[in-house]
PDB file of N, CA and C in Angstrom:
ATOM      1  N   MET A   1     188.017 -16.796  -9.515  1.00  0.00           N
ATOM      2  CA  MET A   1     188.025 -16.970  -8.089  1.00  0.00           C
ATOM      3  C   MET A   1     187.622 -15.653  -7.413  1.00  0.00           C
ATOM      4  N   LYS A   2     186.966 -15.728  -6.288  1.00  0.00           N
ATOM      5  CA  LYS A   2     186.515 -14.549  -5.561  1.00  0.00           C
ATOM      6  C   LYS A   2     187.699 -13.814  -4.948  1.00  0.00           C
ATOM      7  N   LYS A   3     187.513 -12.515  -4.776  1.00  0.00           N
ATOM      8  CA  LYS A   3     188.465 -11.700  -4.039  1.00  0.00           C
ATOM      9  C   LYS A   3     187.680 -10.934  -2.987  1.00  0.00           C
ATOM     10  N   TYR A   4     188.299 -10.760  -1.839  1.00  0.00           N
ATOM     11  CA  TYR A   4     187.661 -10.051  -0.740  1.00  0.00           C
ATOM     12  C   TYR A   4     188.508  -8.855  -0.331  1.00  0.00           C
ATOM     13  N   LYS A   5     187.834  -7.725  -0.095  1.00  0.00           N
ATOM     14  CA  LYS A   5     188.483  -6.558   0.488  1.00  0.00           C
ATOM     15  C   LYS A   5     188.138  -6.585   1.972  1.00  0.00           C
ATOM     16  N   ILE A   6     189.164  -6.710   2.803  1.00  0.00           N
ATOM     17  CA  ILE A   6     188.977  -6.858   4.243  1.00  0.00           C
ATOM     18  C   ILE A   6     189.558  -5.640   4.940  1.00  0.00           C
ATOM     19  N   VAL A   7     188.800  -5.091   5.892  1.00  0.00           N
ATOM     20  CA  VAL A   7     189.272  -3.967   6.697  1.00  0.00           C
ATOM     21  C   VAL A   7     189.033  -4.327   8.158  1.00  0.00           C
ATOM     22  N   GLN A   8     190.083  -4.202   8.965  1.00  0.00           N
ATOM     23  CA  GLN A   8     189.934  -4.445  10.394  1.00  0.00           C
ATOM     24  C   GLN A   8     189.361  -3.187  11.028  1.00  0.00           C
ATOM     25  N   VAL A   9     188.196  -3.310  11.683  1.00  0.00           N
ATOM     26  CA  VAL A   9     187.522  -2.148  12.257  1.00  0.00           C
ATOM     27  C   VAL A   9     187.522  -2.159  13.784  1.00  0.00           C
ATOM     28  N   LYS A  10     187.894  -3.290  14.383  1.00  0.00           N
ATOM     29  CA  LYS A  10     188.004  -3.374  15.842  1.00  0.00           C
ATOM     30  C   LYS A  10     189.375  -3.930  16.194  1.00  0.00           C
ATOM     31  N   SER A  11     189.883  -3.507  17.331  1.00  0.00           N
ATOM     32  CA  SER A  11     191.226  -3.874  17.753  1.00  0.00           C
ATOM     33  C   SER A  11     191.317  -5.340  18.188  1.00  0.00           C
ATOM     34  N   GLY A  12     192.499  -5.895  18.043  1.00  0.00           N
ATOM     35  CA  GLY A  12     192.777  -7.249  18.510  1.00  0.00           C
ATOM     36  C   GLY A  12     193.254  -7.293  19.949  1.00  0.00           C
ATOM     37  N   ILE A  13     193.409  -6.115  20.566  1.00  0.00           N
ATOM     38  CA  ILE A  13     193.872  -6.055  21.954  1.00  0.00           C
ATOM     39  C   ILE A  13     192.819  -6.697  22.852  1.00  0.00           C
ATOM     40  N   GLY A  14     193.262  -7.565  23.733  1.00  0.00           N
ATOM     41  CA  GLY A  14     192.361  -8.240  24.661  1.00  0.00           C
ATOM     42  C   GLY A  14     191.669  -9.449  24.073  1.00  0.00           C
ATOM     43  N   ARG A  15     191.975  -9.783  22.838  1.00  0.00           N
ATOM     44  CA  ARG A  15     191.386 -10.952  22.173  1.00  0.00           C
ATOM     45  C   ARG A  15     192.275 -12.169  22.411  1.00  0.00           C
ATOM     46  N   PRO A  16     191.728 -13.358  22.278  1.00  0.00           N
ATOM     47  CA  PRO A  16     192.556 -14.561  22.417  1.00  0.00           C
ATOM     48  C   PRO A  16     193.684 -14.587  21.388  1.00  0.00           C
ATOM     49  N   ASP A  17     194.790 -15.216  21.760  1.00  0.00           N
ATOM     50  CA  ASP A  17     195.964 -15.267  20.901  1.00  0.00           C
ATOM     51  C   ASP A  17     195.655 -15.874  19.538  1.00  0.00           C
ATOM     52  N   ARG A  18     194.755 -16.837  19.495  1.00  0.00           N
ATOM     53  CA  ARG A  18     194.390 -17.470  18.223  1.00  0.00           C
ATOM     54  C   ARG A  18     193.782 -16.456  17.251  1.00  0.00           C
ATOM     55  N   GLN A  19     192.932 -15.557  17.762  1.00  0.00           N
ATOM     56  CA  GLN A  19     192.328 -14.530  16.912  1.00  0.00           C
ATOM     57  C   GLN A  19     193.368 -13.518  16.448  1.00  0.00           C
ATOM     58  N   LYS A  20     194.305 -13.160  17.316  1.00  0.00           N
ATOM     59  CA  LYS A  20     195.370 -12.235  16.932  1.00  0.00           C
ATOM     60  C   LYS A  20     196.212 -12.824  15.808  1.00  0.00           C
ATOM     61  N   ARG A  21     196.547 -14.129  15.923  1.00  0.00           N
ATOM     62  CA  ARG A  21     197.340 -14.778  14.885  1.00  0.00           C
ATOM     63  C   ARG A  21     196.569 -14.896  13.580  1.00  0.00           C
ATOM     64  N   THR A  22     195.248 -15.050  13.648  1.00  0.00           N
ATOM     65  CA  THR A  22     194.424 -15.108  12.443  1.00  0.00           C
ATOM     66  C   THR A  22     194.433 -13.768  11.715  1.00  0.00           C
ATOM     67  N   LEU A  23     194.359 -12.662  12.465  1.00  0.00           N
ATOM     68  CA  LEU A  23     194.418 -11.336  11.850  1.00  0.00           C
ATOM     69  C   LEU A  23     195.748 -11.136  11.123  1.00  0.00           C
ATOM     70  N   ILE A  24     196.833 -11.564  11.750  1.00  0.00           N
ATOM     71  CA  ILE A  24     198.153 -11.432  11.123  1.00  0.00           C
ATOM     72  C   ILE A  24     198.241 -12.307   9.876  1.00  0.00           C
ATOM     73  N   ALA A  25     197.679 -13.509   9.935  1.00  0.00           N
ATOM     74  CA  ALA A  25     197.707 -14.419   8.785  1.00  0.00           C
ATOM     75  C   ALA A  25     196.919 -13.859   7.607  1.00  0.00           C
ATOM     76  N   LEU A  26     195.898 -13.069   7.874  1.00  0.00           N
ATOM     77  CA  LEU A  26     195.119 -12.437   6.809  1.00  0.00           C
ATOM     78  C   LEU A  26     195.832 -11.212   6.239  1.00  0.00           C
ATOM     79  N   GLY A  27     196.928 -10.792   6.868  1.00  0.00           N
ATOM     80  CA  GLY A  27     197.683  -9.645   6.376  1.00  0.00           C
ATOM     81  C   GLY A  27     197.239  -8.326   6.976  1.00  0.00           C
ATOM     82  N   LEU A  28     196.462  -8.383   8.042  1.00  0.00           N
ATOM     83  CA  LEU A  28     195.963  -7.165   8.683  1.00  0.00           C
ATOM     84  C   LEU A  28     196.933  -6.742   9.781  1.00  0.00           C
ATOM     85  N   ARG A  29     197.510  -5.556   9.634  1.00  0.00           N
ATOM     86  CA  ARG A  29     198.497  -5.070  10.590  1.00  0.00           C
ATOM     87  C   ARG A  29     197.965  -3.904  11.422  1.00  0.00           C
ATOM     88  N   LYS A  30     197.186  -3.014  10.799  1.00  0.00           N
ATOM     89  CA  LYS A  30     196.684  -1.831  11.490  1.00  0.00           C
ATOM     90  C   LYS A  30     195.194  -1.670  11.205  1.00  0.00           C
ATOM     91  N   LEU A  31     194.528  -0.913  12.059  1.00  0.00           N
ATOM     92  CA  LEU A  31     193.102  -0.655  11.876  1.00  0.00           C
ATOM     93  C   LEU A  31     192.866   0.187  10.620  1.00  0.00           C
ATOM     94  N   ASN A  32     191.748  -0.061   9.976  1.00  0.00           N
ATOM     95  CA  ASN A  32     191.269   0.712   8.822  1.00  0.00           C
ATOM     96  C   ASN A  32     192.207   0.704   7.617  1.00  0.00           C
ATOM     97  N   ARG A  33     193.035  -0.316   7.502  1.00  0.00           N
ATOM     98  CA  ARG A  33     193.892  -0.482   6.326  1.00  0.00           C
ATOM     99  C   ARG A  33     193.354  -1.646   5.516  1.00  0.00           C
ATOM    100  N   PRO A  34     192.851  -1.393   4.304  1.00  0.00           N
ATOM    101  CA  PRO A  34     192.257  -2.482   3.517  1.00  0.00           C
ATOM    102  C   PRO A  34     193.306  -3.441   2.960  1.00  0.00           C
ATOM    103  N   VAL A  35     192.911  -4.703   2.864  1.00  0.00           N
ATOM    104  CA  VAL A  35     193.732  -5.757   2.274  1.00  0.00           C
ATOM    105  C   VAL A  35     192.836  -6.536   1.325  1.00  0.00           C
ATOM    106  N   VAL A  36     193.330  -6.835   0.130  1.00  0.00           N
ATOM    107  CA  VAL A  36     192.583  -7.644  -0.825  1.00  0.00           C
ATOM    108  C   VAL A  36     193.210  -9.032  -0.846  1.00  0.00           C
ATOM    109  N   VAL A  37     192.371 -10.062  -0.599  1.00  0.00           N
ATOM    110  CA  VAL A  37     192.858 -11.440  -0.563  1.00  0.00           C
ATOM    111  C   VAL A  37     192.026 -12.300  -1.508  1.00  0.00           C
ATOM    112  N   GLU A  38     192.652 -13.331  -2.039  1.00  0.00           N
ATOM    113  CA  GLU A  38     191.960 -14.302  -2.894  1.00  0.00           C
ATOM    114  C   GLU A  38     191.087 -15.196  -2.018  1.00  0.00           C
ATOM    115  N   GLY A  39     189.889 -15.472  -2.476  1.00  0.00           N
ATOM    116  CA  GLY A  39     188.985 -16.329  -1.721  1.00  0.00           C
ATOM    117  C   GLY A  39     189.325 -17.796  -1.909  1.00  0.00           C
ATOM    118  N   SER A  40     189.443 -18.504  -0.804  1.00  0.00           N
ATOM    119  CA  SER A  40     189.628 -19.949  -0.798  1.00  0.00           C
ATOM    120  C   SER A  40     188.927 -20.455   0.458  1.00  0.00           C
ATOM    121  N   PRO A  41     188.703 -21.742   0.567  1.00  0.00           N
ATOM    122  CA  PRO A  41     188.049 -22.241   1.777  1.00  0.00           C
ATOM    123  C   PRO A  41     188.820 -21.888   3.050  1.00  0.00           C
ATOM    124  N   GLN A  42     190.160 -21.880   2.973  1.00  0.00           N
ATOM    125  CA  GLN A  42     190.964 -21.553   4.142  1.00  0.00           C
ATOM    126  C   GLN A  42     190.799 -20.091   4.538  1.00  0.00           C
ATOM    127  N   VAL A  43     190.837 -19.205   3.554  1.00  0.00           N
ATOM    128  CA  VAL A  43     190.697 -17.773   3.827  1.00  0.00           C
ATOM    129  C   VAL A  43     189.292 -17.462   4.323  1.00  0.00           C
ATOM    130  N   GLU A  44     188.285 -18.076   3.732  1.00  0.00           N
ATOM    131  CA  GLU A  44     186.912 -17.843   4.178  1.00  0.00           C
ATOM    132  C   GLU A  44     186.718 -18.326   5.611  1.00  0.00           C
ATOM    133  N   GLY A  45     187.384 -19.403   5.994  1.00  0.00           N
ATOM    134  CA  GLY A  45     187.319 -19.884   7.373  1.00  0.00           C
ATOM    135  C   GLY A  45     187.975 -18.911   8.337  1.00  0.00           C
ATOM    136  N   MET A  46     189.101 -18.329   7.926  1.00  0.00           N
ATOM    137  CA  MET A  46     189.774 -17.344   8.783  1.00  0.00           C
ATOM    138  C   MET A  46     188.919 -16.092   8.929  1.00  0.00           C
ATOM    139  N   ILE A  47     188.301 -15.650   7.832  1.00  0.00           N
ATOM    140  CA  ILE A  47     187.417 -14.482   7.894  1.00  0.00           C
ATOM    141  C   ILE A  47     186.254 -14.761   8.843  1.00  0.00           C
ATOM    142  N   ASN A  48     185.692 -15.949   8.755  1.00  0.00           N
ATOM    143  CA  ASN A  48     184.560 -16.312   9.610  1.00  0.00           C
ATOM    144  C   ASN A  48     184.957 -16.357  11.085  1.00  0.00           C
ATOM    145  N   ALA A  49     186.208 -16.731  11.379  1.00  0.00           N
ATOM    146  CA  ALA A  49     186.662 -16.850  12.766  1.00  0.00           C
ATOM    147  C   ALA A  49     186.780 -15.491  13.451  1.00  0.00           C
ATOM    148  N   VAL A  50     187.057 -14.439  12.685  1.00  0.00           N
ATOM    149  CA  VAL A  50     187.242 -13.106  13.273  1.00  0.00           C
ATOM    150  C   VAL A  50     186.309 -12.073  12.641  1.00  0.00           C
ATOM    151  N   LYS A  51     185.172 -12.516  12.133  1.00  0.00           N
ATOM    152  CA  LYS A  51     184.264 -11.607  11.420  1.00  0.00           C
ATOM    153  C   LYS A  51     183.729 -10.482  12.295  1.00  0.00           C
ATOM    154  N   HIS A  52     183.740 -10.666  13.610  1.00  0.00           N
ATOM    155  CA  HIS A  52     183.263  -9.617  14.505  1.00  0.00           C
ATOM    156  C   HIS A  52     184.259  -8.455  14.613  1.00  0.00           C
ATOM    157  N   LEU A  53     185.455  -8.614  14.070  1.00  0.00           N
ATOM    158  CA  LEU A  53     186.471  -7.558  14.082  1.00  0.00           C
ATOM    159  C   LEU A  53     186.661  -6.914  12.712  1.00  0.00           C
ATOM    160  N   LEU A  54     185.969  -7.442  11.701  1.00  0.00           N
ATOM    161  CA  LEU A  54     186.239  -7.049  10.317  1.00  0.00           C
ATOM    162  C   LEU A  54     185.030  -6.452   9.621  1.00  0.00           C
ATOM    163  N   HIS A  55     185.328  -5.753   8.519  1.00  0.00           N
ATOM    164  CA  HIS A  55     184.328  -5.369   7.532  1.00  0.00           C
ATOM    165  C   HIS A  55     184.800  -6.004   6.226  1.00  0.00           C
ATOM    166  N   VAL A  56     183.953  -6.831   5.607  1.00  0.00           N
ATOM    167  CA  VAL A  56     184.352  -7.592   4.433  1.00  0.00           C
ATOM    168  C   VAL A  56     183.451  -7.230   3.248  1.00  0.00           C
ATOM    169  N   GLU A  57     184.080  -6.992   2.095  1.00  0.00           N
ATOM    170  CA  GLU A  57     183.346  -6.747   0.851  1.00  0.00           C
ATOM    171  C   GLU A  57     183.895  -7.697  -0.207  1.00  0.00           C
ATOM    172  N   GLU A  58     183.023  -8.182  -1.057  1.00  0.00           N
ATOM    173  CA  GLU A  58     183.476  -8.973  -2.197  1.00  0.00           C
ATOM    174  C   GLU A  58     183.818  -8.014  -3.333  1.00  0.00           C
ATOM    175  N   VAL A  59     184.992  -8.178  -3.905  1.00  0.00           N
ATOM    176  CA  VAL A  59     185.495  -7.284  -4.954  1.00  0.00           C
ATOM    177  C   VAL A  59     185.297  -7.947  -6.302  1.00  0.00           C
ATOM    178  N   SER A  60     184.772  -7.181  -7.258  1.00  0.00           N
ATOM    179  CA  SER A  60     184.644  -7.714  -8.602  1.00  0.00           C
ATOM    180  C   SER A  60     186.018  -7.711  -9.269  1.00  0.00           C
ATOM    181  N   GLU A  61     186.252  -8.715 -10.082  1.00  0.00           N
ATOM    182  CA  GLU A  61     187.586  -8.875 -10.687  1.00  0.00           C
ATOM    183  C   GLU A  61     187.775  -8.037 -11.892  1.00  0.00           C
TER     184      GLU A  61
END
């Protein structure tokens, strides 16, 4: 299964509440702190919803 390294590079301040909750659901709490998550259709959908706030890399297993 794919793994993604996600880093939040833009703030969630001033964003709609739905986007803020998506960032929290992905495990992103602070800017520039990487999180590694397992790829699934649900996670890929969440990444796509807030991709303008993130930097995403696919991690080799």
